[in-house]
Amino acid sequence: MGIKLVTSESAIHDAILKEMDRVNRLTLRALSYLGEKCVIEARDRSPEESWIDRTGNLRSSIGYVIASGGEIIKYSDFTVVKNGSEGPETGKTLAEEIARKYRSGYALVVVAGMNYAEYVEAMDNKVVLASAELFARQQLPSMMQKLKSQIAS
């Protein structure tokens, strides 16, 4: 008894590519959602919780990139706040530099690109990215479970 393949190899190949594209789109959507939530967590703070925004550069340098296999596939809006025209380019450059180090799989990199971001958190006891990191760590397990369910369906 033998089994005969009635579907062409190209049809199978096309079906596999279509499914890979669907999985990639779902993954990108999930990571984008998490990245946007992290940026909101880091940027949108009350004056009591936040640092004094003198130039807008620090807040403008907050954003994210998503990479796959070391290649950037999506950028957030590194929006200019106040007159912080230096912030977006600095944040984007730092995020790209970090993301390119991840040569396999997906990477979501959320940054506050100004070199004094750590100083503000440490010395001024203000939250810049710490709460966004905690938020991401808390949300990631349920997000991955939801992504697995979407991929399986």
C-alpha atoms as a PDB file:
ATOM      1  CA  MET A   1       0.000   0.000   0.000  1.00  0.00           C
ATOM      2  CA  GLY A   2       1.407   3.369  -0.941  1.00  0.00           C
ATOM      3  CA  ILE A   3       0.410   6.971  -0.481  1.00  0.00           C
ATOM      4  CA  LYS A   4       0.413   9.237  -3.456  1.00  0.00           C
ATOM      5  CA  LEU A   5       1.028  12.992  -3.097  1.00  0.00           C
ATOM      6  CA  VAL A   6      -1.559  14.874  -5.113  1.00  0.00           C
ATOM      7  CA  THR A   7      -0.519  18.374  -4.037  1.00  0.00           C
ATOM      8  CA  SER A   8       2.441  19.956  -5.730  1.00  0.00           C
ATOM      9  CA  GLU A   9       5.579  20.766  -3.775  1.00  0.00           C
ATOM     10  CA  SER A  10       5.169  24.430  -4.658  1.00  0.00           C
ATOM     11  CA  ALA A  11       1.676  24.468  -3.126  1.00  0.00           C
ATOM     12  CA  ILE A  12       3.061  23.012   0.098  1.00  0.00           C
ATOM     13  CA  HIS A  13       5.922  25.497   0.049  1.00  0.00           C
ATOM     14  CA  ASP A  14       3.481  28.380  -0.511  1.00  0.00           C
ATOM     15  CA  ALA A  15       1.287  27.200   2.382  1.00  0.00           C
ATOM     16  CA  ILE A  16       4.295  27.045   4.700  1.00  0.00           C
ATOM     17  CA  LEU A  17       5.420  30.545   3.680  1.00  0.00           C
ATOM     18  CA  LYS A  18       1.897  31.875   4.207  1.00  0.00           C
ATOM     19  CA  GLU A  19       1.786  30.392   7.717  1.00  0.00           C
ATOM     20  CA  MET A  20       5.245  31.778   8.547  1.00  0.00           C
ATOM     21  CA  ASP A  21       4.073  35.218   7.435  1.00  0.00           C
ATOM     22  CA  ARG A  22       0.986  34.947   9.670  1.00  0.00           C
ATOM     23  CA  VAL A  23       3.113  33.956  12.680  1.00  0.00           C
ATOM     24  CA  ASN A  24       5.522  36.835  11.997  1.00  0.00           C
ATOM     25  CA  ARG A  25       2.648  39.338  11.757  1.00  0.00           C
ATOM     26  CA  LEU A  26       1.087  38.104  15.012  1.00  0.00           C
ATOM     27  CA  THR A  27       4.455  38.279  16.783  1.00  0.00           C
ATOM     28  CA  LEU A  28       5.168  41.772  15.480  1.00  0.00           C
ATOM     29  CA  ARG A  29       1.718  42.939  16.559  1.00  0.00           C
ATOM     30  CA  ALA A  30       2.175  41.526  20.083  1.00  0.00           C
ATOM     31  CA  LEU A  31       5.642  43.040  20.509  1.00  0.00           C
ATOM     32  CA  SER A  32       4.456  46.391  19.121  1.00  0.00           C
ATOM     33  CA  TYR A  33       1.600  46.438  21.602  1.00  0.00           C
ATOM     34  CA  LEU A  34       3.945  45.699  24.500  1.00  0.00           C
ATOM     35  CA  GLY A  35       6.434  48.298  23.257  1.00  0.00           C
ATOM     36  CA  GLU A  36       3.735  50.979  23.020  1.00  0.00           C
ATOM     37  CA  LYS A  37       2.513  50.176  26.532  1.00  0.00           C
ATOM     38  CA  CYS A  38       6.092  50.421  27.854  1.00  0.00           C
ATOM     39  CA  VAL A  39       6.604  53.804  26.174  1.00  0.00           C
ATOM     40  CA  ILE A  40       3.355  55.081  27.683  1.00  0.00           C
ATOM     41  CA  GLU A  41       4.436  53.785  31.100  1.00  0.00           C
ATOM     42  CA  ALA A  42       7.772  55.592  30.823  1.00  0.00           C
ATOM     43  CA  ARG A  43       6.587  58.870  29.278  1.00  0.00           C
ATOM     44  CA  ASP A  44       3.186  59.587  30.774  1.00  0.00           C
ATOM     45  CA  ARG A  45       3.820  60.341  34.417  1.00  0.00           C
ATOM     46  CA  SER A  46       2.430  62.843  36.835  1.00  0.00           C
ATOM     47  CA  PRO A  47       4.774  65.696  37.825  1.00  0.00           C
ATOM     48  CA  GLU A  48       5.203  64.099  41.266  1.00  0.00           C
ATOM     49  CA  GLU A  49       6.406  60.821  39.759  1.00  0.00           C
ATOM     50  CA  SER A  50       8.396  62.306  36.924  1.00  0.00           C
ATOM     51  CA  TRP A  51      11.608  64.232  36.500  1.00  0.00           C
ATOM     52  CA  ILE A  52      11.717  67.929  35.735  1.00  0.00           C
ATOM     53  CA  ASP A  53      11.428  68.101  31.970  1.00  0.00           C
ATOM     54  CA  ARG A  54      13.682  71.061  31.198  1.00  0.00           C
ATOM     55  CA  THR A  55      14.571  70.418  27.550  1.00  0.00           C
ATOM     56  CA  GLY A  56      12.281  67.555  26.588  1.00  0.00           C
ATOM     57  CA  ASN A  57      15.255  65.546  25.322  1.00  0.00           C
ATOM     58  CA  LEU A  58      14.975  62.720  27.856  1.00  0.00           C
ATOM     59  CA  ARG A  59      11.255  62.193  27.278  1.00  0.00           C
ATOM     60  CA  SER A  60      11.819  62.539  23.503  1.00  0.00           C
ATOM     61  CA  SER A  61      14.493  59.817  23.595  1.00  0.00           C
ATOM     62  CA  ILE A  62      12.055  57.207  24.925  1.00  0.00           C
ATOM     63  CA  GLY A  63      10.872  54.693  22.360  1.00  0.00           C
ATOM     64  CA  TYR A  64      11.372  51.177  21.073  1.00  0.00           C
ATOM     65  CA  VAL A  65      12.531  49.120  18.141  1.00  0.00           C
ATOM     66  CA  ILE A  66      11.720  45.548  17.214  1.00  0.00           C
ATOM     67  CA  ALA A  67      14.353  43.410  15.553  1.00  0.00           C
ATOM     68  CA  SER A  68      14.283  39.974  14.037  1.00  0.00           C
ATOM     69  CA  GLY A  69      17.565  38.204  13.487  1.00  0.00           C
ATOM     70  CA  GLY A  70      19.480  41.393  14.192  1.00  0.00           C
ATOM     71  CA  GLU A  71      17.576  43.403  11.559  1.00  0.00           C
ATOM     72  CA  ILE A  72      15.311  46.261  12.637  1.00  0.00           C
ATOM     73  CA  ILE A  73      11.767  45.613  11.443  1.00  0.00           C
ATOM     74  CA  LYS A  74       9.831  48.316  13.312  1.00  0.00           C
ATOM     75  CA  TYR A  75      10.427  51.644  15.053  1.00  0.00           C
ATOM     76  CA  SER A  76       8.180  53.428  17.493  1.00  0.00           C
ATOM     77  CA  ASP A  77       7.536  57.109  17.173  1.00  0.00           C
ATOM     78  CA  PHE A  78      10.362  58.836  18.981  1.00  0.00           C
ATOM     79  CA  THR A  79       8.158  61.903  19.356  1.00  0.00           C
ATOM     80  CA  VAL A  80       9.683  65.308  20.065  1.00  0.00           C
ATOM     81  CA  VAL A  81       8.515  66.662  23.426  1.00  0.00           C
ATOM     82  CA  LYS A  82       8.907  70.363  24.162  1.00  0.00           C
ATOM     83  CA  ASN A  83      12.037  71.420  22.261  1.00  0.00           C
ATOM     84  CA  GLY A  84      13.790  68.072  22.711  1.00  0.00           C
ATOM     85  CA  SER A  85      14.951  67.763  19.126  1.00  0.00           C
ATOM     86  CA  GLU A  86      18.116  65.879  20.158  1.00  0.00           C
ATOM     87  CA  GLY A  87      16.187  63.143  21.983  1.00  0.00           C
ATOM     88  CA  PRO A  88      14.532  61.198  19.152  1.00  0.00           C
ATOM     89  CA  GLU A  89      17.705  60.633  17.152  1.00  0.00           C
ATOM     90  CA  THR A  90      19.697  59.727  20.269  1.00  0.00           C
ATOM     91  CA  GLY A  91      17.043  57.253  21.424  1.00  0.00           C
ATOM     92  CA  LYS A  92      16.631  55.695  17.996  1.00  0.00           C
ATOM     93  CA  THR A  93      20.401  55.285  17.554  1.00  0.00           C
ATOM     94  CA  LEU A  94      20.799  53.615  20.952  1.00  0.00           C
ATOM     95  CA  ALA A  95      17.844  51.294  20.361  1.00  0.00           C
ATOM     96  CA  GLU A  96      19.243  50.251  16.964  1.00  0.00           C
ATOM     97  CA  GLU A  97      22.683  49.598  18.452  1.00  0.00           C
ATOM     98  CA  ILE A  98      21.267  47.357  21.174  1.00  0.00           C
ATOM     99  CA  ALA A  99      18.790  45.538  18.911  1.00  0.00           C
ATOM    100  CA  ARG A 100      21.441  44.584  16.360  1.00  0.00           C
ATOM    101  CA  LYS A 101      23.243  42.574  19.046  1.00  0.00           C
ATOM    102  CA  TYR A 102      20.363  40.066  19.079  1.00  0.00           C
ATOM    103  CA  ARG A 103      21.247  37.898  16.075  1.00  0.00           C
ATOM    104  CA  SER A 104      18.526  35.288  16.481  1.00  0.00           C
ATOM    105  CA  GLY A 105      14.844  35.479  17.231  1.00  0.00           C
ATOM    106  CA  TYR A 106      12.895  38.622  18.012  1.00  0.00           C
ATOM    107  CA  ALA A 107      14.004  41.469  20.257  1.00  0.00           C
ATOM    108  CA  LEU A 108      11.947  44.306  21.688  1.00  0.00           C
ATOM    109  CA  VAL A 109      14.273  47.060  22.856  1.00  0.00           C
ATOM    110  CA  VAL A 110      12.805  49.945  24.869  1.00  0.00           C
ATOM    111  CA  VAL A 111      15.176  52.814  25.611  1.00  0.00           C
ATOM    112  CA  ALA A 112      15.581  56.198  27.169  1.00  0.00           C
ATOM    113  CA  GLY A 113      18.421  57.279  24.939  1.00  0.00           C
ATOM    114  CA  MET A 114      19.894  60.270  26.707  1.00  0.00           C
ATOM    115  CA  ASN A 115      23.106  59.423  28.535  1.00  0.00           C
ATOM    116  CA  TYR A 116      21.817  60.935  31.780  1.00  0.00           C
ATOM    117  CA  ALA A 117      18.710  58.722  32.081  1.00  0.00           C
ATOM    118  CA  GLU A 118      20.407  56.428  34.610  1.00  0.00           C
ATOM    119  CA  TYR A 119      21.587  59.439  36.600  1.00  0.00           C
ATOM    120  CA  VAL A 120      18.025  60.774  36.845  1.00  0.00           C
ATOM    121  CA  GLU A 121      16.812  57.425  38.186  1.00  0.00           C
ATOM    122  CA  ALA A 122      19.713  56.923  40.578  1.00  0.00           C
ATOM    123  CA  MET A 123      20.431  60.407  41.867  1.00  0.00           C
ATOM    124  CA  ASP A 124      17.075  62.134  41.577  1.00  0.00           C
ATOM    125  CA  ASN A 125      15.172  59.004  42.612  1.00  0.00           C
ATOM    126  CA  LYS A 126      12.796  59.420  39.678  1.00  0.00           C
ATOM    127  CA  VAL A 127      11.511  56.622  37.488  1.00  0.00           C
ATOM    128  CA  VAL A 128      12.585  56.768  33.843  1.00  0.00           C
ATOM    129  CA  LEU A 129      12.494  53.181  32.528  1.00  0.00           C
ATOM    130  CA  ALA A 130      12.340  51.065  35.681  1.00  0.00           C
ATOM    131  CA  SER A 131       8.537  50.930  35.809  1.00  0.00           C
ATOM    132  CA  ALA A 132       8.342  50.139  32.088  1.00  0.00           C
ATOM    133  CA  GLU A 133      10.726  47.215  32.586  1.00  0.00           C
ATOM    134  CA  LEU A 134       8.663  45.915  35.518  1.00  0.00           C
ATOM    135  CA  PHE A 135       5.505  46.304  33.459  1.00  0.00           C
ATOM    136  CA  ALA A 136       7.026  44.353  30.533  1.00  0.00           C
ATOM    137  CA  ARG A 137       8.240  41.559  32.814  1.00  0.00           C
ATOM    138  CA  GLN A 138       4.773  41.299  34.349  1.00  0.00           C
ATOM    139  CA  GLN A 139       2.916  41.351  31.006  1.00  0.00           C
ATOM    140  CA  LEU A 140       5.228  39.134  28.954  1.00  0.00           C
ATOM    141  CA  PRO A 141       4.086  35.696  30.244  1.00  0.00           C
ATOM    142  CA  SER A 142       0.395  36.342  29.546  1.00  0.00           C
ATOM    143  CA  MET A 143       1.230  38.025  26.246  1.00  0.00           C
ATOM    144  CA  MET A 144       3.245  34.974  25.149  1.00  0.00           C
ATOM    145  CA  GLN A 145       0.421  32.644  26.181  1.00  0.00           C
ATOM    146  CA  LYS A 146      -2.052  34.681  24.152  1.00  0.00           C
ATOM    147  CA  LEU A 147       0.350  34.692  21.189  1.00  0.00           C
ATOM    148  CA  LYS A 148       0.718  30.897  21.377  1.00  0.00           C
ATOM    149  CA  SER A 149      -3.073  30.547  21.346  1.00  0.00           C
ATOM    150  CA  GLN A 150      -3.381  32.866  18.328  1.00  0.00           C
ATOM    151  CA  ILE A 151      -0.703  30.939  16.449  1.00  0.00           C
ATOM    152  CA  ALA A 152      -2.344  27.601  17.216  1.00  0.00           C
ATOM    153  CA  SER A 153      -5.753  28.706  15.934  1.00  0.00           C
END
